[in-house]
Amino acid sequence: MDDDQLLRRFTEDGFVRIEGAFPAATAQACVDIMWPDTGCRPDDPATWTRPVVRLPGYGGGPFEEAVTAPALLAAYDLLAGPGRWAPRTGLGTFPVRFPHPDDPGDGGWHVEGSYTPEGAEHYWTNVFSRDRALLMLFLFTDTGEDDAPTRVRIGSHLDVPEVLRPAGEQGMDGFVLGPLVDAASAHRPQTCATGRAGDVYLCHPFLVHAAQPHRGTRVRFMAQPGLEPTEPLRIDRPDGAYSPVEAAIRRGLGLTGRPE
């Protein structure tokens, strides 16, 4: 898709899928590194005793190759704004999901938090999307409908700003915010982040999403890092030079045109 199509899909849906953003061979190299850290064996389903295993962040080598793929660097500029995002050399936590009869227990609808106020126990979010310019879903294995793909509510990024507006700069605890954004976006149609190894979903930080149980047969490796801004996001730029992420927040708040 060209840049105009990408921007249109991101603005309306709250996410865009970059097919083949990085090579499948790079994805496999990352998976080969991670498998031993799961404590399980890829060729022995009897060792897959938990529905989800969370691996810490990985960087350098094929992980850096994935997150710095040329198609993604161009998309970061397009969506977050040139010079407004911090380069990454690696990827955050990997929730590795296994075929398993048990519910993983993390399937509630939510938006990602990105900072912790002093004394807070959980991540928080505010209407300015503090410390997060994008949510990104990196597929490292082929992921079909039965392979625990992340569920997303199409267009839900436009429902969240009004929920967060009363909390202002301070923001809200993610555990408090989750049920509120669930209710606010319940009318939205749902889809799943399926695709091939090497595909990447670039999502507005306010996109409402949720995990789900794995009903398939193949283990799913996915990373969900954030793209950090180099400066705070703003919804009151005197020059009106809003990034698409900022423009969507303004739209959700019912703001149009340049600030007075």
C-alpha atoms as a PDB file:
ATOM      1  CA  MET A   1       0.000   0.000   0.000  1.00  0.00           C
ATOM      2  CA  ASP A   2       1.173   3.543  -0.671  1.00  0.00           C
ATOM      3  CA  ASP A   3       1.607   6.224   1.983  1.00  0.00           C
ATOM      4  CA  ASP A   4      -1.844   7.729   1.422  1.00  0.00           C
ATOM      5  CA  GLN A   5      -3.525   4.357   1.877  1.00  0.00           C
ATOM      6  CA  LEU A   6      -1.432   3.624   4.954  1.00  0.00           C
ATOM      7  CA  LEU A   7      -2.370   6.942   6.547  1.00  0.00           C
ATOM      8  CA  ARG A   8      -6.041   6.470   5.725  1.00  0.00           C
ATOM      9  CA  ARG A   9      -6.151   2.999   7.261  1.00  0.00           C
ATOM     10  CA  PHE A  10      -4.249   4.123  10.349  1.00  0.00           C
ATOM     11  CA  THR A  11      -6.468   7.167  10.833  1.00  0.00           C
ATOM     12  CA  GLU A  12      -9.754   5.296  10.452  1.00  0.00           C
ATOM     13  CA  ASP A  13      -8.909   1.873  11.904  1.00  0.00           C
ATOM     14  CA  GLY A  14      -6.215   2.751  14.439  1.00  0.00           C
ATOM     15  CA  PHE A  15      -3.690   0.316  12.983  1.00  0.00           C
ATOM     16  CA  VAL A  16      -2.010  -0.750   9.782  1.00  0.00           C
ATOM     17  CA  ARG A  17      -0.399  -4.051   8.823  1.00  0.00           C
ATOM     18  CA  ILE A  18       2.994  -3.882   7.107  1.00  0.00           C
ATOM     19  CA  GLU A  19       3.267  -7.193   5.269  1.00  0.00           C
ATOM     20  CA  GLY A  20       6.762  -8.632   5.079  1.00  0.00           C
ATOM     21  CA  ALA A  21       8.161  -5.727   7.070  1.00  0.00           C
ATOM     22  CA  PHE A  22      11.230  -7.818   7.865  1.00  0.00           C
ATOM     23  CA  PRO A  23      12.452 -11.109   6.349  1.00  0.00           C
ATOM     24  CA  ALA A  24      10.980 -14.418   7.494  1.00  0.00           C
ATOM     25  CA  ALA A  25      14.551 -15.701   7.859  1.00  0.00           C
ATOM     26  CA  THR A  26      15.219 -12.953  10.407  1.00  0.00           C
ATOM     27  CA  ALA A  27      12.086 -13.959  12.281  1.00  0.00           C
ATOM     28  CA  GLN A  28      13.231 -17.588  12.367  1.00  0.00           C
ATOM     29  CA  ALA A  29      16.680 -16.597  13.637  1.00  0.00           C
ATOM     30  CA  CYS A  30      15.005 -14.780  16.532  1.00  0.00           C
ATOM     31  CA  VAL A  31      12.735 -17.731  17.296  1.00  0.00           C
ATOM     32  CA  ASP A  32      15.729 -20.084  17.340  1.00  0.00           C
ATOM     33  CA  ILE A  33      17.358 -17.868  19.970  1.00  0.00           C
ATOM     34  CA  MET A  34      14.220 -17.691  22.109  1.00  0.00           C
ATOM     35  CA  TRP A  35      13.085 -21.325  22.157  1.00  0.00           C
ATOM     36  CA  PRO A  36      15.625 -22.493  24.786  1.00  0.00           C
ATOM     37  CA  ASP A  37      14.579 -19.623  27.058  1.00  0.00           C
ATOM     38  CA  THR A  38      10.987 -20.871  27.150  1.00  0.00           C
ATOM     39  CA  GLY A  39      12.036 -23.994  29.051  1.00  0.00           C
ATOM     40  CA  CYS A  40      10.132 -26.014  26.455  1.00  0.00           C
ATOM     41  CA  ARG A  41      11.077 -28.055  23.402  1.00  0.00           C
ATOM     42  CA  PRO A  42       9.710 -27.149  19.977  1.00  0.00           C
ATOM     43  CA  ASP A  43       9.435 -30.826  19.003  1.00  0.00           C
ATOM     44  CA  ASP A  44       7.765 -32.034  22.221  1.00  0.00           C
ATOM     45  CA  PRO A  45       4.267 -30.660  22.951  1.00  0.00           C
ATOM     46  CA  ALA A  46       4.332 -32.536  26.265  1.00  0.00           C
ATOM     47  CA  THR A  47       6.675 -29.792  27.503  1.00  0.00           C
ATOM     48  CA  TRP A  48       4.149 -27.062  26.667  1.00  0.00           C
ATOM     49  CA  THR A  49       2.645 -27.037  30.134  1.00  0.00           C
ATOM     50  CA  ARG A  50       1.599 -23.368  30.386  1.00  0.00           C
ATOM     51  CA  PRO A  51      -0.621 -21.274  28.105  1.00  0.00           C
ATOM     52  CA  VAL A  52       1.827 -18.373  28.048  1.00  0.00           C
ATOM     53  CA  VAL A  53       5.516 -17.885  28.841  1.00  0.00           C
ATOM     54  CA  ARG A  54       6.794 -14.312  29.004  1.00  0.00           C
ATOM     55  CA  LEU A  55      10.350 -13.766  27.847  1.00  0.00           C
ATOM     56  CA  PRO A  56      12.326 -10.599  28.625  1.00  0.00           C
ATOM     57  CA  GLY A  57      13.405  -8.169  25.962  1.00  0.00           C
ATOM     58  CA  TYR A  58      15.992  -9.110  23.346  1.00  0.00           C
ATOM     59  CA  GLY A  59      18.274  -6.795  21.411  1.00  0.00           C
ATOM     60  CA  GLY A  60      20.989  -6.738  18.813  1.00  0.00           C
ATOM     61  CA  GLY A  61      21.528  -9.215  15.993  1.00  0.00           C
ATOM     62  CA  PRO A  62      18.353 -10.364  14.253  1.00  0.00           C
ATOM     63  CA  PHE A  63      16.163  -8.540  16.785  1.00  0.00           C
ATOM     64  CA  GLU A  64      17.729  -5.222  15.854  1.00  0.00           C
ATOM     65  CA  GLU A  65      17.447  -6.129  12.172  1.00  0.00           C
ATOM     66  CA  ALA A  66      13.709  -6.666  12.640  1.00  0.00           C
ATOM     67  CA  VAL A  67      12.914  -3.432  14.453  1.00  0.00           C
ATOM     68  CA  THR A  68      15.086  -1.312  12.134  1.00  0.00           C
ATOM     69  CA  ALA A  69      13.851  -2.746   8.839  1.00  0.00           C
ATOM     70  CA  PRO A  70      13.689   0.021   6.195  1.00  0.00           C
ATOM     71  CA  ALA A  71       9.935  -0.331   5.668  1.00  0.00           C
ATOM     72  CA  LEU A  72       9.368   0.200   9.374  1.00  0.00           C
ATOM     73  CA  LEU A  73      11.690   3.193   9.691  1.00  0.00           C
ATOM     74  CA  ALA A  74       9.747   4.894   6.908  1.00  0.00           C
ATOM     75  CA  ALA A  75       6.438   4.042   8.582  1.00  0.00           C
ATOM     76  CA  TYR A  76       7.642   5.365  11.952  1.00  0.00           C
ATOM     77  CA  ASP A  77       8.395   8.695  10.275  1.00  0.00           C
ATOM     78  CA  LEU A  78       5.030   8.732   8.552  1.00  0.00           C
ATOM     79  CA  LEU A  79       2.945   7.940  11.639  1.00  0.00           C
ATOM     80  CA  ALA A  80       4.903   9.376  14.573  1.00  0.00           C
ATOM     81  CA  GLY A  81       6.596  12.204  12.690  1.00  0.00           C
ATOM     82  CA  PRO A  82      10.193  12.622  11.470  1.00  0.00           C
ATOM     83  CA  GLY A  83      12.519  13.212  14.397  1.00  0.00           C
ATOM     84  CA  ARG A  84       9.745  12.610  16.917  1.00  0.00           C
ATOM     85  CA  TRP A  85      10.509   8.967  17.749  1.00  0.00           C
ATOM     86  CA  ALA A  86      13.439   7.286  19.479  1.00  0.00           C
ATOM     87  CA  PRO A  87      15.296   4.545  17.563  1.00  0.00           C
ATOM     88  CA  ARG A  88      15.167   1.038  18.993  1.00  0.00           C
ATOM     89  CA  THR A  89      17.875  -1.624  18.925  1.00  0.00           C
ATOM     90  CA  GLY A  90      15.721  -4.426  20.266  1.00  0.00           C
ATOM     91  CA  LEU A  91      12.264  -5.588  21.231  1.00  0.00           C
ATOM     92  CA  GLY A  92      10.364  -5.717  24.487  1.00  0.00           C
ATOM     93  CA  THR A  93       8.694  -8.606  26.257  1.00  0.00           C
ATOM     94  CA  PHE A  94       7.629 -11.622  24.191  1.00  0.00           C
ATOM     95  CA  PRO A  95       4.397 -13.281  25.381  1.00  0.00           C
ATOM     96  CA  VAL A  96       4.940 -16.737  23.851  1.00  0.00           C
ATOM     97  CA  ARG A  97       1.561 -18.464  23.583  1.00  0.00           C
ATOM     98  CA  PHE A  98       1.168 -22.229  23.527  1.00  0.00           C
ATOM     99  CA  PRO A  99      -1.766 -24.435  22.545  1.00  0.00           C
ATOM    100  CA  HIS A 100      -3.308 -25.139  25.935  1.00  0.00           C
ATOM    101  CA  PRO A 101      -6.758 -25.848  27.429  1.00  0.00           C
ATOM    102  CA  ASP A 102      -6.305 -23.307  30.238  1.00  0.00           C
ATOM    103  CA  ASP A 103      -7.272 -19.671  29.838  1.00  0.00           C
ATOM    104  CA  PRO A 104      -4.116 -17.512  30.026  1.00  0.00           C
ATOM    105  CA  GLY A 105      -5.927 -15.082  32.313  1.00  0.00           C
ATOM    106  CA  ASP A 106      -4.896 -11.948  30.431  1.00  0.00           C
ATOM    107  CA  GLY A 107      -7.689 -11.610  27.901  1.00  0.00           C
ATOM    108  CA  GLY A 108      -9.294  -8.375  29.097  1.00  0.00           C
ATOM    109  CA  TRP A 109      -9.751  -5.455  26.709  1.00  0.00           C
ATOM    110  CA  HIS A 110      -7.260  -2.677  27.438  1.00  0.00           C
ATOM    111  CA  VAL A 111      -4.811  -0.106  26.123  1.00  0.00           C
ATOM    112  CA  GLU A 112      -1.129  -0.273  26.981  1.00  0.00           C
ATOM    113  CA  GLY A 113       0.240   1.770  29.849  1.00  0.00           C
ATOM    114  CA  SER A 114       3.628   3.394  29.466  1.00  0.00           C
ATOM    115  CA  TYR A 115       4.685   5.075  32.710  1.00  0.00           C
ATOM    116  CA  THR A 116       4.427   4.582  36.466  1.00  0.00           C
ATOM    117  CA  PRO A 117       3.839   7.578  38.755  1.00  0.00           C
ATOM    118  CA  GLU A 118       5.752   7.574  42.010  1.00  0.00           C
ATOM    119  CA  GLY A 119       4.299   4.947  44.314  1.00  0.00           C
ATOM    120  CA  ALA A 120       2.146   3.351  41.600  1.00  0.00           C
ATOM    121  CA  GLU A 121       2.078  -0.435  41.202  1.00  0.00           C
ATOM    122  CA  HIS A 122       0.824  -0.589  37.610  1.00  0.00           C
ATOM    123  CA  TYR A 123       1.445   1.178  34.335  1.00  0.00           C
ATOM    124  CA  TRP A 124      -0.613   4.289  33.642  1.00  0.00           C
ATOM    125  CA  THR A 125      -1.859   6.076  30.502  1.00  0.00           C
ATOM    126  CA  ASN A 126      -2.806   9.701  29.920  1.00  0.00           C
ATOM    127  CA  VAL A 127      -4.620  11.576  27.167  1.00  0.00           C
ATOM    128  CA  PHE A 128      -1.290  12.752  25.724  1.00  0.00           C
ATOM    129  CA  SER A 129      -0.051   9.145  25.395  1.00  0.00           C
ATOM    130  CA  ARG A 130       2.915   9.900  27.594  1.00  0.00           C
ATOM    131  CA  ASP A 131       6.045   7.930  26.630  1.00  0.00           C
ATOM    132  CA  ARG A 132       4.401   6.003  23.781  1.00  0.00           C
ATOM    133  CA  ALA A 133       4.078   7.061  20.146  1.00  0.00           C
ATOM    134  CA  LEU A 134       3.008   3.667  18.773  1.00  0.00           C
ATOM    135  CA  LEU A 135       2.082   0.180  19.908  1.00  0.00           C
ATOM    136  CA  MET A 136       3.712  -2.392  17.633  1.00  0.00           C
ATOM    137  CA  LEU A 137       2.923  -6.074  17.139  1.00  0.00           C
ATOM    138  CA  PHE A 138       5.777  -8.031  15.542  1.00  0.00           C
ATOM    139  CA  LEU A 139       4.856 -11.508  14.270  1.00  0.00           C
ATOM    140  CA  PHE A 140       7.775 -13.935  14.463  1.00  0.00           C
ATOM    141  CA  THR A 141       5.716 -16.997  13.528  1.00  0.00           C
ATOM    142  CA  ASP A 142       2.850 -17.487  11.102  1.00  0.00           C
ATOM    143  CA  THR A 143      -0.285 -16.624  13.074  1.00  0.00           C
ATOM    144  CA  GLY A 144      -3.749 -17.759  12.022  1.00  0.00           C
ATOM    145  CA  GLU A 145      -7.167 -17.331  13.594  1.00  0.00           C
ATOM    146  CA  ASP A 146      -6.607 -20.273  15.974  1.00  0.00           C
ATOM    147  CA  ASP A 147      -3.074 -19.292  17.012  1.00  0.00           C
ATOM    148  CA  ALA A 148      -3.983 -16.756  19.732  1.00  0.00           C
ATOM    149  CA  PRO A 149      -3.764 -13.655  17.533  1.00  0.00           C
ATOM    150  CA  THR A 150      -4.246 -10.380  19.371  1.00  0.00           C
ATOM    151  CA  ARG A 151      -7.846  -9.182  19.123  1.00  0.00           C
ATOM    152  CA  VAL A 152      -8.333  -5.526  18.194  1.00  0.00           C
ATOM    153  CA  ARG A 153     -11.376  -3.278  18.046  1.00  0.00           C
ATOM    154  CA  ILE A 154     -11.344  -1.384  14.773  1.00  0.00           C
ATOM    155  CA  GLY A 155     -11.519   2.375  15.296  1.00  0.00           C
ATOM    156  CA  SER A 156     -11.410   2.110  19.087  1.00  0.00           C
ATOM    157  CA  HIS A 157      -8.484   4.547  19.275  1.00  0.00           C
ATOM    158  CA  LEU A 158     -11.057   7.297  18.738  1.00  0.00           C
ATOM    159  CA  ASP A 159     -13.069   6.259  21.810  1.00  0.00           C
ATOM    160  CA  VAL A 160     -10.233   6.395  24.328  1.00  0.00           C
ATOM    161  CA  PRO A 161      -9.324  10.121  24.388  1.00  0.00           C
ATOM    162  CA  GLU A 162     -12.679  11.124  25.906  1.00  0.00           C
ATOM    163  CA  VAL A 163     -12.269   8.454  28.579  1.00  0.00           C
ATOM    164  CA  LEU A 164      -8.866   9.858  29.489  1.00  0.00           C
ATOM    165  CA  ARG A 165      -9.747  13.549  29.177  1.00  0.00           C
ATOM    166  CA  PRO A 166     -10.965  13.999  32.799  1.00  0.00           C
ATOM    167  CA  ALA A 167      -7.711  12.522  34.154  1.00  0.00           C
ATOM    168  CA  GLY A 168      -5.598  15.143  32.392  1.00  0.00           C
ATOM    169  CA  GLU A 169      -1.831  15.036  32.641  1.00  0.00           C
ATOM    170  CA  GLN A 170      -1.857  12.658  35.605  1.00  0.00           C
ATOM    171  CA  GLY A 171      -3.637   9.928  33.674  1.00  0.00           C
ATOM    172  CA  MET A 172      -5.177   6.710  34.919  1.00  0.00           C
ATOM    173  CA  ASP A 173      -4.068   3.379  36.342  1.00  0.00           C
ATOM    174  CA  GLY A 174      -4.365   0.688  33.696  1.00  0.00           C
ATOM    175  CA  PHE A 175      -6.429  -1.528  35.974  1.00  0.00           C
ATOM    176  CA  VAL A 176      -8.964   1.274  36.372  1.00  0.00           C
ATOM    177  CA  LEU A 177      -8.815   2.286  32.728  1.00  0.00           C
ATOM    178  CA  GLY A 178      -9.327  -1.192  31.265  1.00  0.00           C
ATOM    179  CA  PRO A 179     -13.044  -1.606  32.079  1.00  0.00           C
ATOM    180  CA  LEU A 180     -13.728   1.974  30.992  1.00  0.00           C
ATOM    181  CA  VAL A 181     -12.182   1.627  27.534  1.00  0.00           C
ATOM    182  CA  ASP A 182     -13.823  -1.786  27.199  1.00  0.00           C
ATOM    183  CA  ALA A 183     -17.241  -0.212  27.716  1.00  0.00           C
ATOM    184  CA  ALA A 184     -16.472   2.824  25.547  1.00  0.00           C
ATOM    185  CA  SER A 185     -15.391   0.691  22.572  1.00  0.00           C
ATOM    186  CA  ALA A 186     -17.836  -2.222  22.904  1.00  0.00           C
ATOM    187  CA  HIS A 187     -19.726  -1.078  19.789  1.00  0.00           C
ATOM    188  CA  ARG A 188     -16.669  -1.391  17.564  1.00  0.00           C
ATOM    189  CA  PRO A 189     -16.180  -4.279  15.122  1.00  0.00           C
ATOM    190  CA  GLN A 190     -13.442  -6.739  16.018  1.00  0.00           C
ATOM    191  CA  THR A 191     -10.638  -8.312  14.026  1.00  0.00           C
ATOM    192  CA  CYS A 192      -7.474 -10.265  14.793  1.00  0.00           C
ATOM    193  CA  ALA A 193      -3.806  -9.524  14.154  1.00  0.00           C
ATOM    194  CA  THR A 194      -3.140 -12.531  11.950  1.00  0.00           C
ATOM    195  CA  GLY A 195      -0.355 -12.780   9.398  1.00  0.00           C
ATOM    196  CA  ARG A 196       2.919 -14.313   8.353  1.00  0.00           C
ATOM    197  CA  ALA A 197       6.261 -14.266  10.127  1.00  0.00           C
ATOM    198  CA  GLY A 198       7.789 -10.876   9.354  1.00  0.00           C
ATOM    199  CA  ASP A 199       4.511  -8.956   9.337  1.00  0.00           C
ATOM    200  CA  VAL A 200       4.172  -6.012  11.725  1.00  0.00           C
ATOM    201  CA  TYR A 201       1.079  -4.202  12.957  1.00  0.00           C
ATOM    202  CA  LEU A 202       1.691  -0.543  13.759  1.00  0.00           C
ATOM    203  CA  CYS A 203      -1.060   0.595  16.097  1.00  0.00           C
ATOM    204  CA  HIS A 204      -2.210   3.851  17.607  1.00  0.00           C
ATOM    205  CA  PRO A 205      -1.289   3.745  21.317  1.00  0.00           C
ATOM    206  CA  PHE A 206      -5.000   4.053  22.198  1.00  0.00           C
ATOM    207  CA  LEU A 207      -6.105   1.034  20.142  1.00  0.00           C
ATOM    208  CA  VAL A 208      -8.177  -1.210  22.425  1.00  0.00           C
ATOM    209  CA  HIS A 209      -6.961  -4.801  22.196  1.00  0.00           C
ATOM    210  CA  ALA A 210      -6.935  -8.113  24.058  1.00  0.00           C
ATOM    211  CA  ALA A 211      -5.226 -11.485  24.174  1.00  0.00           C
ATOM    212  CA  GLN A 212      -7.094 -14.776  23.761  1.00  0.00           C
ATOM    213  CA  PRO A 213      -6.576 -18.509  24.382  1.00  0.00           C
ATOM    214  CA  HIS A 214      -4.571 -20.545  21.863  1.00  0.00           C
ATOM    215  CA  ARG A 215      -6.816 -23.037  20.042  1.00  0.00           C
ATOM    216  CA  GLY A 216      -4.340 -24.059  17.362  1.00  0.00           C
ATOM    217  CA  THR A 217      -1.374 -26.407  17.166  1.00  0.00           C
ATOM    218  CA  ARG A 218       1.686 -24.191  16.590  1.00  0.00           C
ATOM    219  CA  VAL A 219       3.392 -21.987  19.168  1.00  0.00           C
ATOM    220  CA  ARG A 220       3.050 -18.250  18.597  1.00  0.00           C
ATOM    221  CA  PHE A 221       6.005 -15.899  19.064  1.00  0.00           C
ATOM    222  CA  MET A 222       5.130 -12.200  19.014  1.00  0.00           C
ATOM    223  CA  ALA A 223       6.706  -9.031  20.409  1.00  0.00           C
ATOM    224  CA  GLN A 224       4.712  -5.974  21.408  1.00  0.00           C
ATOM    225  CA  PRO A 225       7.180  -3.127  21.935  1.00  0.00           C
ATOM    226  CA  GLY A 226       6.296   0.510  22.085  1.00  0.00           C
ATOM    227  CA  LEU A 227       7.844   3.236  19.994  1.00  0.00           C
ATOM    228  CA  GLU A 228       8.913   5.993  22.353  1.00  0.00           C
ATOM    229  CA  PRO A 229       8.567   9.658  21.413  1.00  0.00           C
ATOM    230  CA  THR A 230      11.547  11.992  21.628  1.00  0.00           C
ATOM    231  CA  GLU A 231       9.269  14.774  22.842  1.00  0.00           C
ATOM    232  CA  PRO A 232       5.841  14.775  24.503  1.00  0.00           C
ATOM    233  CA  LEU A 233       2.914  14.329  22.145  1.00  0.00           C
ATOM    234  CA  ARG A 234       0.851  17.497  21.840  1.00  0.00           C
ATOM    235  CA  ILE A 235      -2.734  18.274  20.948  1.00  0.00           C
ATOM    236  CA  ASP A 236      -2.211  22.060  20.856  1.00  0.00           C
ATOM    237  CA  ARG A 237       0.576  22.753  18.358  1.00  0.00           C
ATOM    238  CA  PRO A 238       0.467  26.428  17.300  1.00  0.00           C
ATOM    239  CA  ASP A 239       1.664  25.527  13.798  1.00  0.00           C
ATOM    240  CA  GLY A 240      -0.843  22.691  13.433  1.00  0.00           C
ATOM    241  CA  ALA A 241       1.949  20.259  12.491  1.00  0.00           C
ATOM    242  CA  TYR A 242       0.328  17.253  14.136  1.00  0.00           C
ATOM    243  CA  SER A 243       1.529  13.728  13.585  1.00  0.00           C
ATOM    244  CA  PRO A 244      -1.177  11.242  12.570  1.00  0.00           C
ATOM    245  CA  VAL A 245      -1.048   9.871  16.127  1.00  0.00           C
ATOM    246  CA  GLU A 246      -1.704  13.318  17.595  1.00  0.00           C
ATOM    247  CA  ALA A 247      -4.350  14.123  14.986  1.00  0.00           C
ATOM    248  CA  ALA A 248      -6.293  11.000  15.947  1.00  0.00           C
ATOM    249  CA  ILE A 249      -6.249  12.010  19.618  1.00  0.00           C
ATOM    250  CA  ARG A 250      -7.581  15.434  18.646  1.00  0.00           C
ATOM    251  CA  ARG A 251     -10.287  13.826  16.551  1.00  0.00           C
ATOM    252  CA  GLY A 252     -11.312  11.644  19.477  1.00  0.00           C
ATOM    253  CA  LEU A 253     -11.592  14.776  21.610  1.00  0.00           C
ATOM    254  CA  GLY A 254     -13.676  16.573  19.004  1.00  0.00           C
ATOM    255  CA  LEU A 255     -10.945  19.116  18.244  1.00  0.00           C
ATOM    256  CA  THR A 256     -10.512  20.441  14.719  1.00  0.00           C
ATOM    257  CA  GLY A 257      -8.329  23.032  13.083  1.00  0.00           C
ATOM    258  CA  ARG A 258      -5.491  24.883  14.762  1.00  0.00           C
ATOM    259  CA  PRO A 259      -5.602  25.958  18.399  1.00  0.00           C
ATOM    260  CA  GLU A 260      -6.498  29.585  19.091  1.00  0.00           C
END
